[in-house]
Amino acid sequence: MASYDKGPILLTGATGGIGAATVRHLVAKGADVIASGRDETKLKALADETGCRTVAFDLTSEDNVRGAIGDLDLWGVVNCGGFGGEIATPMETDIDVFDKVISVNTRGALLVTKYASRTMIRLGRGGAIVNVSSQASLVALKGHISYGSSKAALDNITRVSALELGPHGIRVNGVHPTVVMTEMSAFYWGRPEIGVPFLNQMPLGRWATEEEIAAPIAFLLSDGASMISGVSLPIDGGFTAC
């Protein structure tokens, strides 16, 4: 079988910038992608554009996740659903916002892994899971107490899942993107006093594109990564190496 012919790949957060780019990338490579999110209108538009399948559910609801994917035959998963939360210090953080960030970014990814992996084990064909983490889990970034914490916890889910699922032939890896200058990111990283010092510290000195995140995700799902599991792959222009 070719890299992307082994079975359906579920991708959460499919209506976001990185998620949609990854759907497009995988579909172009011949993958059977099931795009998920909460906004059914945006999911339909993505399906009309790419030919992907769709399923809508709320990552914060275990009943929703179980009902949506419990009976899906899956080979792969990309946990890309996320919530940015707020820019705040530990002294100022809103705990309600913190709880929501953890609920979506960490608990949601674990719920998807919980139910998807049961199906993957039942099918007995192995598989691959890629968790979309962040550079904010690898280094301390000012204002990122909630987001960075949620992604650091996700990294541990990646490592433990790789350990537990490896005997079933299921690989689990994480990618750690730097900033993609979307409209959502621009409100903070677009400020010269924030963005300029950050880029000056990065060896490649530029923001990432959505496609530059999608391509490594696709690689980790492919046969080319068949002996890679439990890794944290920075996609950050060298920022965390400094």
Protein backbone atom coordinates (compact mmCIF):
# COMPACT_ATOMS: atom_id res chain seq x y z
CA MET A 1 0.00 0.00 0.00
CA ALA A 2 1.10 3.57 -0.61
CA SER A 3 1.63 5.89 2.35
CA TYR A 4 -1.86 7.33 2.34
CA ASP A 5 -3.89 4.34 1.11
CA LYS A 6 -4.10 2.43 4.40
CA GLY A 7 -7.33 3.91 5.66
CA PRO A 8 -9.17 7.07 6.62
CA ILE A 9 -7.38 9.88 8.46
CA LEU A 10 -9.39 11.99 10.92
CA LEU A 11 -8.26 15.59 11.27
CA THR A 12 -9.64 17.81 14.02
CA GLY A 13 -9.60 21.59 13.79
CA ALA A 14 -10.04 21.26 10.05
CA THR A 15 -11.57 24.70 9.54
CA GLY A 16 -8.55 26.52 11.00
CA GLY A 17 -5.63 27.70 8.89
CA ILE A 18 -3.20 24.86 9.62
CA GLY A 19 -6.00 22.29 9.72
CA ALA A 20 -7.46 23.26 6.35
CA ALA A 21 -4.00 23.39 4.77
CA THR A 22 -3.29 19.90 6.07
CA VAL A 23 -6.58 18.59 4.70
CA ARG A 24 -5.70 20.02 1.27
CA HIS A 25 -2.18 18.58 1.42
CA LEU A 26 -3.33 15.10 2.41
CA VAL A 27 -6.19 14.97 -0.10
CA ALA A 28 -3.75 16.01 -2.85
CA LYS A 29 -1.64 12.99 -1.90
CA GLY A 30 -4.62 10.68 -2.24
CA ALA A 31 -5.62 10.33 1.41
CA ASP A 32 -9.18 9.66 2.51
CA VAL A 33 -9.55 12.55 4.96
CA ILE A 34 -12.39 12.99 7.45
CA ALA A 35 -12.32 16.66 8.42
CA SER A 36 -13.84 17.60 11.75
CA GLY A 37 -14.75 20.77 13.58
CA ARG A 38 -17.77 22.50 15.09
CA ASP A 39 -18.73 24.80 12.20
CA GLU A 40 -20.70 22.66 9.75
CA THR A 41 -20.90 25.48 7.19
CA LYS A 42 -17.12 25.80 7.02
CA LEU A 43 -16.73 22.04 6.94
CA LYS A 44 -19.09 21.82 3.97
CA ALA A 45 -17.13 24.50 2.13
CA LEU A 46 -13.91 22.57 2.75
CA ALA A 47 -15.55 19.36 1.54
CA ASP A 48 -16.83 21.09 -1.60
CA GLU A 49 -13.31 22.39 -2.28
CA THR A 50 -11.29 19.24 -1.56
CA GLY A 51 -13.62 16.25 -1.68
CA CYS A 52 -12.87 15.32 1.93
CA ARG A 53 -15.49 13.74 4.16
CA THR A 54 -16.66 15.60 7.27
CA VAL A 55 -17.91 14.96 10.78
CA ALA A 56 -18.87 17.70 13.24
CA PHE A 57 -18.36 17.40 16.99
CA ASP A 58 -17.34 19.37 20.06
CA LEU A 59 -13.91 18.45 21.42
CA THR A 60 -14.93 19.42 24.94
CA SER A 61 -17.72 16.82 25.12
CA GLU A 62 -16.81 13.17 25.65
CA ASP A 63 -20.30 12.12 24.59
CA ASN A 64 -19.89 14.15 21.38
CA VAL A 65 -16.49 12.66 20.60
CA ARG A 66 -17.59 9.10 21.38
CA GLY A 67 -20.74 9.46 19.31
CA ALA A 68 -18.94 11.01 16.33
CA ILE A 69 -15.89 8.78 15.99
CA GLY A 70 -16.58 5.68 18.09
CA ASP A 71 -17.75 3.72 15.05
CA LEU A 72 -15.43 5.26 12.45
CA ASP A 73 -12.86 2.90 10.93
CA LEU A 74 -9.68 4.97 11.13
CA TRP A 75 -6.04 4.43 10.26
CA GLY A 76 -4.73 7.89 11.16
CA VAL A 77 -5.48 10.92 13.31
CA VAL A 78 -4.26 14.50 13.31
CA ASN A 79 -5.16 16.31 16.52
CA CYS A 80 -5.12 19.87 15.21
CA GLY A 81 -8.10 21.34 17.06
CA GLY A 82 -7.07 24.16 19.36
CA PHE A 83 -8.00 27.28 21.27
CA GLY A 84 -5.52 30.12 21.77
CA GLY A 85 -7.00 31.51 24.96
CA GLU A 86 -5.50 34.76 26.17
CA ILE A 87 -2.23 36.61 26.39
CA ALA A 88 -1.65 36.86 30.12
CA THR A 89 0.96 36.37 32.82
CA PRO A 90 0.55 33.78 35.60
CA MET A 91 -0.37 36.67 37.89
CA GLU A 92 -3.17 37.92 35.63
CA THR A 93 -4.51 34.76 34.01
CA ASP A 94 -8.24 34.11 33.96
CA ILE A 95 -8.64 30.57 35.32
CA ASP A 96 -11.86 30.09 33.37
CA VAL A 97 -9.91 30.78 30.17
CA PHE A 98 -7.13 28.46 31.36
CA ASP A 99 -9.66 25.70 31.94
CA LYS A 100 -11.13 26.14 28.45
CA VAL A 101 -7.68 26.04 26.81
CA ILE A 102 -6.86 22.82 28.65
CA SER A 103 -10.30 21.39 27.81
CA VAL A 104 -9.84 21.92 24.06
CA ASN A 105 -6.10 21.56 23.49
CA THR A 106 -5.27 18.80 25.95
CA ARG A 107 -8.41 17.01 27.09
CA GLY A 108 -9.93 17.16 23.59
CA ALA A 109 -6.89 15.58 21.97
CA LEU A 110 -6.86 12.87 24.63
CA LEU A 111 -10.55 12.12 24.05
CA VAL A 112 -9.99 11.77 20.31
CA THR A 113 -6.96 9.56 20.93
CA LYS A 114 -8.96 7.45 23.40
CA TYR A 115 -11.75 6.57 20.99
CA ALA A 116 -9.79 6.56 17.74
CA SER A 117 -7.10 4.26 19.11
CA ARG A 118 -9.71 1.73 20.25
CA THR A 119 -10.88 1.43 16.65
CA MET A 120 -7.33 1.30 15.31
CA ILE A 121 -6.46 -1.51 17.72
CA ARG A 122 -9.65 -3.38 16.80
CA LEU A 123 -8.86 -3.17 13.09
CA GLY A 124 -5.34 -4.47 13.69
CA ARG A 125 -3.73 -2.52 10.84
CA GLY A 126 -1.52 -0.24 12.92
CA GLY A 127 -1.74 3.48 12.26
CA ALA A 128 -0.35 6.91 13.01
CA ILE A 129 -1.39 9.81 15.21
CA VAL A 130 0.08 13.30 14.94
CA ASN A 131 -0.57 15.83 17.68
CA VAL A 132 -0.16 19.49 16.76
CA SER A 133 1.64 21.05 19.70
CA SER A 134 3.58 24.34 19.69
CA GLN A 135 6.97 25.92 20.22
CA ALA A 136 5.30 27.34 23.33
CA SER A 137 5.56 23.90 24.93
CA LEU A 138 9.31 23.71 24.35
CA VAL A 139 10.37 27.18 25.51
CA ALA A 140 8.82 29.80 27.76
CA LEU A 141 7.00 32.54 25.85
CA LYS A 142 5.74 35.61 27.67
CA GLY A 143 1.97 35.75 27.96
CA HIS A 144 1.51 32.08 27.05
CA ILE A 145 0.87 30.50 30.45
CA SER A 146 -2.41 28.84 29.40
CA TYR A 147 -1.54 27.90 25.82
CA GLY A 148 1.98 26.72 26.61
CA SER A 149 0.79 24.64 29.54
CA SER A 150 -1.90 22.97 27.45
CA LYS A 151 0.60 22.03 24.78
CA ALA A 152 3.21 20.81 27.27
CA ALA A 153 0.57 18.45 28.66
CA LEU A 154 -0.26 17.38 25.11
CA ASP A 155 3.41 16.48 24.62
CA ASN A 156 3.21 14.05 27.51
CA ILE A 157 0.07 12.54 26.00
CA THR A 158 2.12 12.05 22.82
CA ARG A 159 4.97 10.28 24.60
CA VAL A 160 2.79 8.05 26.79
CA SER A 161 0.52 7.20 23.84
CA ALA A 162 3.58 6.24 21.76
CA LEU A 163 4.63 3.90 24.57
CA GLU A 164 1.20 2.36 25.05
CA LEU A 165 0.15 2.09 21.39
CA GLY A 166 3.48 1.02 19.91
CA PRO A 167 2.85 -2.69 20.53
CA HIS A 168 -0.24 -2.34 18.32
CA GLY A 169 1.81 -0.86 15.47
CA ILE A 170 0.44 2.63 16.08
CA ARG A 171 2.95 5.50 15.96
CA VAL A 172 2.31 8.74 17.86
CA ASN A 173 4.29 11.92 17.23
CA GLY A 174 4.03 15.65 17.82
CA VAL A 175 4.85 18.70 15.72
CA HIS A 176 5.71 22.06 17.28
CA PRO A 177 5.00 24.95 14.93
CA THR A 178 6.23 28.48 15.34
CA VAL A 179 3.93 31.38 14.56
CA VAL A 180 1.90 31.26 11.36
CA MET A 181 0.88 34.85 10.75
CA THR A 182 -2.84 34.37 10.43
CA GLU A 183 -5.38 37.06 11.25
CA MET A 184 -5.74 35.49 14.70
CA SER A 185 -1.98 35.63 15.31
CA ALA A 186 -1.47 39.16 14.01
CA PHE A 187 -3.16 40.88 16.96
CA TYR A 188 -0.19 39.87 19.13
CA TRP A 189 2.75 38.80 16.97
CA GLY A 190 2.09 41.57 14.46
CA ARG A 191 3.07 44.19 17.00
CA PRO A 192 6.57 45.45 16.12
CA GLU A 193 7.70 45.39 19.75
CA ILE A 194 6.71 41.70 19.95
CA GLY A 195 7.35 40.30 16.49
CA VAL A 196 10.65 42.01 15.60
CA PRO A 197 12.67 40.77 18.62
CA PHE A 198 11.18 37.30 18.16
CA LEU A 199 12.22 37.07 14.51
CA ASN A 200 15.64 38.49 15.33
CA GLN A 201 16.14 35.52 17.65
CA MET A 202 15.07 32.96 15.02
CA PRO A 203 17.85 31.70 12.68
CA LEU A 204 15.56 31.65 9.63
CA GLY A 205 14.06 35.01 10.61
CA ARG A 206 10.56 34.68 9.15
CA TRP A 207 7.08 33.42 9.99
CA ALA A 208 6.01 29.94 8.94
CA THR A 209 3.39 29.28 6.30
CA GLU A 210 0.48 26.92 6.78
CA GLU A 211 1.86 24.61 4.10
CA GLU A 212 5.18 24.42 5.95
CA ILE A 213 3.29 22.94 8.89
CA ALA A 214 1.08 20.67 6.80
CA ALA A 215 3.96 18.97 4.97
CA PRO A 216 5.75 17.64 8.09
CA ILE A 217 2.42 16.43 9.49
CA ALA A 218 1.87 14.50 6.27
CA PHE A 219 5.39 13.09 6.47
CA LEU A 220 4.81 11.75 9.98
CA LEU A 221 1.70 9.97 8.70
CA SER A 222 3.60 8.43 5.79
CA ASP A 223 5.61 5.24 5.29
CA GLY A 224 8.73 7.40 5.25
CA ALA A 225 8.25 7.87 8.99
CA SER A 226 7.49 4.21 9.73
CA MET A 227 10.21 3.95 12.40
CA ILE A 228 9.49 7.33 14.02
CA SER A 229 7.37 7.42 17.16
CA GLY A 230 7.32 9.51 20.32
CA VAL A 231 9.16 12.48 18.83
CA SER A 232 8.60 16.21 19.26
CA LEU A 233 9.41 17.84 15.92
CA PRO A 234 9.96 21.61 16.03
CA ILE A 235 8.84 23.46 12.88
CA ASP A 236 10.16 26.77 14.08
CA GLY A 237 12.97 28.06 11.90
CA GLY A 238 15.49 27.06 14.53
CA PHE A 239 13.97 29.20 17.30
CA THR A 240 14.02 26.52 20.01
CA ALA A 241 17.59 25.52 19.12
CA CYS A 242 18.93 28.89 20.27
